[in-house]
């Protein structure tokens, strides 16, 4: 465990050292960015819509029984932007994008393509890791922004359409506006930024240390996704504690 943390820290430092030369890899960065967006945006929106709807469905009747049904806007707004969207969408992206990164780099490692890069005096960190790290670091906060907006819409639709809640769209978003502040949204985006870095680091690291042929690639992909989820949940607690 501590060896993996040390290797991740070292990989992060080596990637930071390559940042001044990122302009040379701009086409690969854009390619990775659009690949992440195309692969994830639809799933992020669908999942966020139903998460917002479930929160409204569970909490709305309870609030209505106590005569504070209009408070559902703020409740859904805070839950989505500060916690559920950053965590749930990061886990989704770890499974969808992180696994793909690990498999791609891992196959290059197994079939000695990375050794060929070194033979040609091409730094694998600069050529493989840097574009993916920059792309996922930019893409995930943008995806989380879409997730928050769609989640709010899902919660508002359920609140307006469920007769046990019966809170109109204007009342829902008025309460959301009063309760949710810019700092709450920024908190969620900061979390998503940290989670994006973790996903990129873990995925690239597991790919670079892959050994053992196709079976080794499968093991690396599994470890990558599991490690990402564990780190996201652990870091979520500490980030929440710090950003309260």
Protein backbone atom coordinates (compact mmCIF):
# COMPACT_ATOMS: atom_id res chain seq x y z
CA UNK A 1 0.00 0.00 0.00
CA UNK A 2 2.66 2.52 1.04
CA UNK A 3 4.78 1.50 -1.95
CA UNK A 4 1.85 2.26 -4.27
CA UNK A 5 1.29 5.64 -2.61
CA UNK A 6 4.97 6.45 -3.04
CA UNK A 7 4.90 5.43 -6.70
CA UNK A 8 1.78 7.52 -7.27
CA UNK A 9 3.44 10.54 -5.65
CA UNK A 10 6.53 10.06 -7.79
CA UNK A 11 4.44 9.74 -10.95
CA UNK A 12 2.55 12.92 -10.04
CA UNK A 13 5.82 14.79 -9.52
CA UNK A 14 7.24 13.55 -12.83
CA UNK A 15 4.04 14.59 -14.59
CA UNK A 16 4.20 18.06 -13.05
CA UNK A 17 7.77 18.42 -14.32
CA UNK A 18 6.51 17.77 -17.86
CA UNK A 19 3.80 20.44 -17.70
CA UNK A 20 5.89 23.23 -19.31
CA UNK A 21 6.13 21.08 -22.45
CA UNK A 22 2.40 20.28 -22.62
CA UNK A 23 1.86 22.53 -25.67
CA UNK A 24 3.68 19.96 -27.82
CA UNK A 25 1.04 17.41 -26.89
CA UNK A 26 -1.96 19.71 -27.46
CA UNK A 27 -3.47 17.48 -30.17
CA UNK A 28 -3.27 14.39 -27.98
CA UNK A 29 -4.72 16.36 -25.07
CA UNK A 30 -7.69 17.48 -27.18
CA UNK A 31 -8.17 13.96 -28.49
CA UNK A 32 -8.24 12.55 -24.95
CA UNK A 33 -10.52 15.36 -23.77
CA UNK A 34 -13.15 14.71 -26.44
CA UNK A 35 -12.88 10.96 -25.93
CA UNK A 36 -13.61 11.38 -22.21
CA UNK A 37 -16.52 13.71 -22.93
CA UNK A 38 -18.10 11.56 -25.65
CA UNK A 39 -17.76 8.41 -23.54
CA UNK A 40 -19.17 9.89 -20.34
CA UNK A 41 -21.54 12.79 -20.95
CA UNK A 42 -24.68 10.81 -21.73
CA UNK A 43 -24.21 8.40 -18.83
CA UNK A 44 -23.43 11.29 -16.46
CA UNK A 45 -26.63 13.09 -17.44
CA UNK A 46 -28.84 10.00 -17.14
CA UNK A 47 -27.40 8.99 -13.77
CA UNK A 48 -27.57 12.54 -12.41
CA UNK A 49 -31.19 12.99 -13.47
CA UNK A 50 -32.32 9.90 -11.62
CA UNK A 51 -30.16 10.61 -8.56
CA UNK A 52 -31.82 14.02 -8.24
CA UNK A 53 -35.21 12.40 -8.74
CA UNK A 54 -34.58 9.74 -6.08
CA UNK A 55 -33.49 12.33 -3.51
CA UNK A 56 -36.66 14.35 -4.16
CA UNK A 57 -38.82 11.23 -4.08
CA UNK A 58 -37.42 10.07 -0.74
CA UNK A 59 -37.29 13.38 1.09
CA UNK A 60 -40.21 15.27 -0.45
CA UNK A 61 -43.08 13.39 1.25
CA UNK A 62 -41.33 13.59 4.64
CA UNK A 63 -40.89 17.35 4.26
CA UNK A 64 -44.48 17.75 3.05
CA UNK A 65 -45.81 15.95 6.15
CA UNK A 66 -44.05 18.56 8.29
CA UNK A 67 -45.27 21.50 6.24
CA UNK A 68 -41.87 22.45 4.76
CA UNK A 69 -42.19 20.88 1.32
CA UNK A 70 -40.67 23.93 -0.38
CA UNK A 71 -37.39 23.25 1.43
CA UNK A 72 -36.84 20.35 -0.94
CA UNK A 73 -35.12 22.67 -3.43
CA UNK A 74 -32.31 23.54 -1.06
CA UNK A 75 -31.97 19.97 0.18
CA UNK A 76 -31.64 18.52 -3.31
CA UNK A 77 -29.39 21.38 -4.36
CA UNK A 78 -26.90 20.94 -1.51
CA UNK A 79 -26.87 17.14 -1.69
CA UNK A 80 -26.25 17.13 -5.43
CA UNK A 81 -23.62 19.85 -5.76
CA UNK A 82 -21.55 19.17 -2.62
CA UNK A 83 -21.60 15.39 -2.38
CA UNK A 84 -23.50 13.13 -4.73
CA UNK A 85 -22.48 14.54 -8.09
CA UNK A 86 -18.73 14.76 -7.37
CA UNK A 87 -18.54 11.31 -5.74
CA UNK A 88 -20.95 9.29 -7.86
CA UNK A 89 -19.81 10.76 -11.18
CA UNK A 90 -16.14 10.31 -10.25
CA UNK A 91 -16.81 6.64 -9.49
CA UNK A 92 -18.59 6.33 -12.83
CA UNK A 93 -15.68 7.98 -14.65
CA UNK A 94 -13.19 5.76 -12.82
CA UNK A 95 -15.03 2.71 -14.12
CA UNK A 96 -15.55 4.01 -17.64
CA UNK A 97 -12.48 6.16 -18.37
CA UNK A 98 -9.94 5.01 -15.78
CA UNK A 99 -10.30 1.38 -16.84
CA UNK A 100 -9.86 2.33 -20.50
CA UNK A 101 -6.69 4.30 -19.71
CA UNK A 102 -5.24 1.40 -17.73
CA UNK A 103 -6.07 -1.12 -20.45
CA UNK A 104 -4.56 1.06 -23.19
CA UNK A 105 -1.31 1.83 -21.38
CA UNK A 106 -1.14 -1.69 -19.95
CA UNK A 107 -1.35 -3.27 -23.40
CA UNK A 108 1.44 -0.98 -24.58
CA UNK A 109 3.50 -2.08 -21.59
CA UNK A 110 2.85 -5.80 -22.13
CA UNK A 111 3.59 -5.67 -25.85
CA UNK A 112 6.77 -3.62 -25.28
CA UNK A 113 5.57 -0.48 -27.03
CA UNK A 114 6.67 1.61 -24.03
CA UNK A 115 10.15 0.06 -24.29
CA UNK A 116 10.14 1.08 -27.95
CA UNK A 117 9.32 4.66 -26.95
CA UNK A 118 12.28 4.70 -24.58
CA UNK A 119 14.50 3.28 -27.33
CA UNK A 120 13.49 6.23 -29.52
CA UNK A 121 14.32 8.60 -26.61
CA UNK A 122 10.63 9.48 -26.06
CA UNK A 123 9.64 9.96 -22.43
CA UNK A 124 6.56 7.78 -21.72
CA UNK A 125 5.42 10.20 -19.00
CA UNK A 126 5.42 13.07 -21.47
CA UNK A 127 3.92 11.08 -24.34
CA UNK A 128 1.35 8.90 -22.53
CA UNK A 129 0.63 10.18 -19.03
CA UNK A 130 0.69 13.98 -19.42
CA UNK A 131 -2.05 14.24 -22.12
CA UNK A 132 -4.36 11.94 -20.18
CA UNK A 133 -3.78 13.73 -16.88
CA UNK A 134 -4.48 17.17 -18.34
CA UNK A 135 -7.52 15.96 -20.27
CA UNK A 136 -9.18 14.22 -17.33
CA UNK A 137 -8.36 17.09 -14.95
CA UNK A 138 -10.21 19.51 -17.25
CA UNK A 139 -13.00 17.17 -18.34
CA UNK A 140 -14.20 15.86 -14.97
CA UNK A 141 -15.10 19.26 -13.41
CA UNK A 142 -16.98 20.13 -16.61
CA UNK A 143 -18.86 16.83 -16.47
CA UNK A 144 -19.66 17.46 -12.81
CA UNK A 145 -21.08 20.88 -13.75
CA UNK A 146 -23.45 19.20 -16.23
CA UNK A 147 -24.24 16.58 -13.58
CA UNK A 148 -25.24 19.19 -11.01
CA UNK A 149 -27.53 21.04 -13.40
CA UNK A 150 -29.21 17.87 -14.65
CA UNK A 151 -29.56 16.55 -11.08
CA UNK A 152 -31.31 19.74 -10.03
CA UNK A 153 -33.62 19.41 -13.02
CA UNK A 154 -34.45 15.81 -12.12
CA UNK A 155 -35.24 16.77 -8.54
CA UNK A 156 -37.43 19.68 -9.66
CA UNK A 157 -39.35 17.48 -12.11
CA UNK A 158 -40.12 14.86 -9.46
CA UNK A 159 -41.06 17.53 -6.91
CA UNK A 160 -43.49 19.11 -9.36
CA UNK A 161 -44.92 15.87 -10.74
CA UNK A 162 -45.40 13.89 -7.53
CA UNK A 163 -48.77 14.72 -5.88
CA UNK A 164 -47.37 13.90 -2.42
CA UNK A 165 -44.81 16.70 -2.83
CA UNK A 166 -46.48 19.12 -5.25
CA UNK A 167 -43.79 21.82 -5.29
CA UNK A 168 -43.77 23.91 -8.45
CA UNK A 169 -40.68 24.62 -10.49
CA UNK A 170 -40.50 28.30 -9.41
CA UNK A 171 -40.84 27.38 -5.71
CA UNK A 172 -38.23 24.62 -6.03
CA UNK A 173 -35.62 26.82 -7.68
CA UNK A 174 -36.37 29.81 -5.47
CA UNK A 175 -35.58 27.75 -2.37
CA UNK A 176 -32.55 26.30 -4.12
CA UNK A 177 -31.33 29.83 -4.89
CA UNK A 178 -31.72 30.86 -1.24
CA UNK A 179 -29.96 27.81 0.21
CA UNK A 180 -27.24 26.95 -2.31
CA UNK A 181 -24.40 29.45 -2.58
CA UNK A 182 -21.56 29.74 -5.05
CA UNK A 183 -19.18 28.41 -2.41
CA UNK A 184 -21.20 25.17 -2.27
CA UNK A 185 -20.81 24.64 -6.01
CA UNK A 186 -17.11 25.49 -5.81
CA UNK A 187 -16.70 22.90 -3.04
CA UNK A 188 -18.09 20.22 -5.32
CA UNK A 189 -15.88 21.31 -8.20
CA UNK A 190 -12.78 21.27 -5.99
CA UNK A 191 -13.64 17.74 -4.93
CA UNK A 192 -14.09 16.70 -8.54
CA UNK A 193 -10.71 18.21 -9.44
CA UNK A 194 -8.96 16.16 -6.76
CA UNK A 195 -10.85 13.02 -7.77
CA UNK A 196 -9.90 13.58 -11.41
CA UNK A 197 -6.20 13.76 -10.52
CA UNK A 198 -6.54 10.58 -8.45
CA UNK A 199 -8.30 8.72 -11.28
CA UNK A 200 -5.69 9.79 -13.83
CA UNK A 201 -2.74 8.93 -11.59
CA UNK A 202 -4.05 5.53 -10.51
CA UNK A 203 -5.13 4.54 -14.03
CA UNK A 204 -1.84 5.55 -15.64
CA UNK A 205 0.25 4.01 -12.84
CA UNK A 206 -1.52 0.66 -13.04
CA UNK A 207 -1.06 0.66 -16.79
CA UNK A 208 2.66 1.40 -16.53
CA UNK A 209 3.32 -1.42 -14.04
CA UNK A 210 1.27 -4.05 -15.90
CA UNK A 211 3.00 -7.41 -16.43
CA UNK A 212 1.90 -10.91 -17.38
CA UNK A 213 0.21 -10.68 -20.76
CA UNK A 214 -3.55 -10.32 -21.35
CA UNK A 215 -4.35 -11.75 -17.92
CA UNK A 216 -2.10 -9.12 -16.35
CA UNK A 217 -3.98 -6.39 -18.22
CA UNK A 218 -7.25 -7.65 -16.73
CA UNK A 219 -5.78 -7.65 -13.24
CA UNK A 220 -4.44 -4.12 -13.69
CA UNK A 221 -7.81 -2.83 -14.88
CA UNK A 222 -9.56 -4.38 -11.88
CA UNK A 223 -7.00 -2.97 -9.43
CA UNK A 224 -7.22 0.43 -11.09
CA UNK A 225 -11.00 0.71 -10.69
CA UNK A 226 -11.03 -0.67 -7.13
CA UNK A 227 -8.17 1.59 -5.98
CA UNK A 228 -9.83 4.63 -7.55
CA UNK A 229 -13.13 3.96 -5.77
CA UNK A 230 -11.43 3.38 -2.41
CA UNK A 231 -9.33 6.55 -2.70
CA UNK A 232 -12.30 8.63 -3.84
CA UNK A 233 -14.39 7.58 -0.83
CA UNK A 234 -11.53 8.11 1.64
CA UNK A 235 -10.54 11.47 0.17
CA UNK A 236 -14.18 12.55 0.10
CA UNK A 237 -14.33 12.36 3.89
CA UNK A 238 -11.16 14.41 4.40
CA UNK A 239 -12.09 16.97 1.73
CA UNK A 240 -15.55 17.35 3.26
CA UNK A 241 -13.99 17.85 6.68
CA UNK A 242 -11.55 20.46 5.35
CA UNK A 243 -14.05 22.35 3.17
CA UNK A 244 -16.88 22.51 5.73
